[in-house]
Amino acid sequence: MSQGALARGEAATQVGKSSGELTLPWQRLRAGLDSIPSGIRAALRLQSAAIPCQDRRMATSPTARLRRLCLALPEAAEVEAWDQPTFRVRGRIFAMLHQGEQGLAVWFKAPPGSQELLLEAAPDRFFRPPYLGHKGWVALRLDGVVDWEEAAAMIRRSYALIAPKRLASGIVPPPED
């Protein structure tokens, strides 16, 4: 092994005294995988293919998913206020994460009349948030099963209600008259 390889901390072992070839750890790992009988390798591939993709990767927390949804919007920024993350566009809040008596929830602005409809249709998922409920804001519970497509649509709608018209024009189609 060269002095340079030792200085860089590369681990290598000599495969055969006569060949003089060196193998790195990843090469030994690959050689070990190749030694698994093909029937077992095929069974492992089938078994992993049967697991839904969302279960194979690490579960994403509701906070991380919400952050990804909100920060994907134009000029959106996260600002911590009241010890909770808030999501803003040009300084105005369009969504906020809140952990309180009702559990983990995202609060967002809803169009006029929507608050009552949502609260009546699904009181187990939506509630009127304190402080902002009288202004038409709605809270969506994030504890339990969450329809993230619906959550994303409501966050985009809230963004469109808060953001300047130019920024909002590309997010949600204009309301039909």
Protein backbone atom coordinates (compact mmCIF):
# COMPACT_ATOMS: atom_id res chain seq x y z
CA MET A 1 0.00 0.00 0.00
CA SER A 2 1.36 3.43 -0.85
CA GLN A 3 2.21 5.99 1.79
CA GLY A 4 -0.34 8.36 0.21
CA ALA A 5 -3.16 5.86 0.67
CA LEU A 6 -2.20 5.36 4.31
CA ALA A 7 -2.02 9.11 4.84
CA ARG A 8 -5.53 9.54 3.39
CA GLY A 9 -6.80 6.81 5.72
CA GLU A 10 -7.89 4.49 2.96
CA ALA A 11 -8.34 1.01 4.27
CA ALA A 12 -7.26 -1.68 1.92
CA THR A 13 -6.34 -5.32 2.24
CA GLN A 14 -4.27 -7.51 0.07
CA VAL A 15 -6.40 -10.10 -1.76
CA GLY A 16 -3.70 -12.51 -2.80
CA LYS A 17 -0.01 -12.54 -2.12
CA SER A 18 0.74 -13.51 -5.67
CA SER A 19 -1.60 -11.04 -7.37
CA GLY A 20 -0.59 -7.97 -5.40
CA GLU A 21 -4.08 -6.43 -5.99
CA LEU A 22 -5.68 -4.31 -3.31
CA THR A 23 -9.40 -4.15 -2.53
CA LEU A 24 -11.23 -1.37 -0.77
CA PRO A 25 -14.04 -2.04 1.75
CA TRP A 26 -16.83 -1.33 -0.76
CA GLN A 27 -15.30 -3.89 -3.13
CA ARG A 28 -15.27 -6.51 -0.34
CA LEU A 29 -18.92 -5.70 0.43
CA ARG A 30 -19.91 -6.13 -3.20
CA ALA A 31 -18.00 -9.44 -3.36
CA GLY A 32 -19.86 -10.58 -0.23
CA LEU A 33 -23.23 -9.73 -1.79
CA ASP A 34 -22.30 -11.64 -4.92
CA SER A 35 -21.70 -14.74 -2.79
CA ILE A 36 -25.37 -14.83 -1.68
CA PRO A 37 -27.18 -17.56 -3.67
CA SER A 38 -29.25 -16.13 -6.52
CA GLY A 39 -32.51 -17.65 -5.21
CA ILE A 40 -32.14 -15.79 -1.91
CA ARG A 41 -31.22 -12.55 -3.68
CA ALA A 42 -34.34 -12.85 -5.87
CA ALA A 43 -36.53 -13.49 -2.81
CA LEU A 44 -35.09 -10.41 -1.09
CA ARG A 45 -35.80 -8.28 -4.17
CA LEU A 46 -39.41 -9.56 -4.33
CA GLN A 47 -39.89 -8.95 -0.64
CA SER A 48 -38.62 -5.38 -0.82
CA ALA A 49 -40.70 -4.70 -3.96
CA ALA A 50 -43.88 -5.72 -2.10
CA ILE A 51 -43.34 -2.99 0.50
CA PRO A 52 -44.98 0.30 -0.59
CA CYS A 53 -42.45 2.96 -1.46
CA GLN A 54 -43.64 5.34 1.26
CA ASP A 55 -43.00 2.66 3.91
CA ARG A 56 -39.49 1.88 2.66
CA ARG A 57 -38.15 5.36 3.17
CA MET A 58 -37.99 7.07 6.51
CA ALA A 59 -41.31 8.50 7.62
CA THR A 60 -41.46 12.27 7.30
CA SER A 61 -42.77 14.25 10.23
CA PRO A 62 -45.83 16.47 9.71
CA THR A 63 -43.67 19.49 10.52
CA ALA A 64 -41.15 18.60 7.80
CA ARG A 65 -43.90 17.95 5.24
CA LEU A 66 -45.62 21.22 6.06
CA ARG A 67 -42.33 23.09 5.84
CA ARG A 68 -41.63 21.57 2.41
CA LEU A 69 -45.12 22.51 1.16
CA CYS A 70 -44.95 26.09 2.40
CA LEU A 71 -41.39 26.89 1.41
CA ALA A 72 -42.00 25.65 -2.15
CA LEU A 73 -44.24 28.68 -2.72
CA PRO A 74 -42.70 31.83 -4.28
CA GLU A 75 -40.94 34.13 -1.79
CA ALA A 76 -42.18 32.06 1.17
CA ALA A 77 -40.11 32.27 4.34
CA GLU A 78 -40.24 30.56 7.71
CA VAL A 79 -40.13 32.79 10.78
CA GLU A 80 -40.43 31.55 14.33
CA ALA A 81 -42.98 33.54 16.34
CA TRP A 82 -44.70 32.68 19.59
CA ASP A 83 -42.33 29.68 19.82
CA GLN A 84 -43.98 28.18 16.71
CA PRO A 85 -42.97 28.19 13.03
CA THR A 86 -44.93 30.61 10.88
CA PHE A 87 -44.79 30.76 7.09
CA ARG A 88 -44.88 34.18 5.48
CA VAL A 89 -44.85 35.87 2.14
CA ARG A 90 -43.42 39.39 2.18
CA GLY A 91 -43.86 39.56 5.96
CA ARG A 92 -47.51 38.41 6.05
CA ILE A 93 -48.42 35.05 7.61
CA PHE A 94 -50.25 32.58 5.35
CA ALA A 95 -49.80 29.44 7.48
CA MET A 96 -48.60 28.58 10.94
CA LEU A 97 -47.88 25.39 12.78
CA HIS A 98 -49.34 25.25 16.27
CA GLN A 99 -49.01 22.70 19.06
CA GLY A 100 -51.70 23.35 21.63
CA GLU A 101 -54.71 21.93 23.42
CA GLN A 102 -56.13 20.61 20.15
CA GLY A 103 -52.86 18.83 19.28
CA LEU A 104 -50.57 19.56 16.36
CA ALA A 105 -52.33 21.63 13.69
CA VAL A 106 -51.67 23.97 10.81
CA TRP A 107 -53.62 27.23 10.80
CA PHE A 108 -54.39 28.90 7.49
CA LYS A 109 -56.60 31.62 6.04
CA ALA A 110 -59.74 30.42 4.28
CA PRO A 111 -61.93 32.23 1.74
CA PRO A 112 -65.11 33.84 3.09
CA GLY A 113 -67.72 31.20 3.94
CA SER A 114 -65.29 28.29 3.80
CA GLN A 115 -64.65 28.17 7.53
CA GLU A 116 -68.24 27.24 8.37
CA LEU A 117 -68.38 24.62 5.60
CA LEU A 118 -65.17 22.93 6.71
CA LEU A 119 -66.11 22.95 10.39
CA GLU A 120 -69.53 21.43 9.66
CA ALA A 121 -68.26 18.87 7.14
CA ALA A 122 -65.37 17.47 9.20
CA PRO A 123 -65.26 18.68 12.82
CA ASP A 124 -62.87 15.85 13.64
CA ARG A 125 -60.27 17.28 11.21
CA PHE A 126 -60.91 21.03 11.31
CA PHE A 127 -61.45 23.52 14.12
CA ARG A 128 -61.69 27.26 14.61
CA PRO A 129 -58.28 28.39 15.90
CA PRO A 130 -58.14 30.78 18.82
CA TYR A 131 -57.03 34.36 18.11
CA LEU A 132 -57.54 34.06 14.32
CA GLY A 133 -60.76 32.06 14.01
CA HIS A 134 -62.93 35.18 14.07
CA LYS A 135 -61.01 36.41 10.99
CA GLY A 136 -61.90 33.34 8.94
CA TRP A 137 -58.83 31.23 9.66
CA VAL A 138 -59.19 27.44 9.93
CA ALA A 139 -56.99 24.86 11.64
CA LEU A 140 -56.33 21.39 10.22
CA ARG A 141 -55.29 18.72 12.72
CA LEU A 142 -52.00 17.04 11.80
CA ASP A 143 -52.23 14.29 14.43
CA GLY A 144 -53.35 11.03 12.85
CA VAL A 145 -54.06 10.48 9.16
CA VAL A 146 -53.69 13.61 7.04
CA ASP A 147 -54.72 14.04 3.42
CA TRP A 148 -51.59 15.91 2.32
CA GLU A 149 -52.97 16.77 -1.11
CA GLU A 150 -55.92 18.50 0.56
CA ALA A 151 -53.57 20.21 3.04
CA ALA A 152 -51.38 21.44 0.17
CA ALA A 153 -54.42 22.81 -1.69
CA MET A 154 -55.58 24.70 1.42
CA ILE A 155 -52.12 26.11 2.05
CA ARG A 156 -51.86 27.27 -1.58
CA ARG A 157 -55.30 28.88 -1.27
CA SER A 158 -54.25 30.65 1.94
CA TYR A 159 -51.07 31.81 0.21
CA ALA A 160 -53.15 33.16 -2.70
CA LEU A 161 -55.35 35.10 -0.27
CA ILE A 162 -52.37 36.67 1.54
CA ALA A 163 -49.72 37.11 -1.17
CA PRO A 164 -49.60 40.04 -3.59
CA LYS A 165 -51.68 39.34 -6.69
CA ARG A 166 -48.67 38.91 -8.99
CA LEU A 167 -47.15 36.22 -6.80
CA ALA A 168 -50.48 34.52 -6.21
CA SER A 169 -51.54 34.48 -9.87
CA GLY A 170 -49.42 31.43 -10.70
CA ILE A 171 -50.47 29.42 -7.65
CA VAL A 172 -54.26 29.08 -7.76
CA PRO A 173 -56.52 29.68 -10.73
CA PRO A 174 -58.59 32.84 -10.29
CA PRO A 175 -62.05 32.29 -8.75
CA GLU A 176 -64.84 31.71 -11.22
CA ASP A 177 -67.48 34.44 -11.30
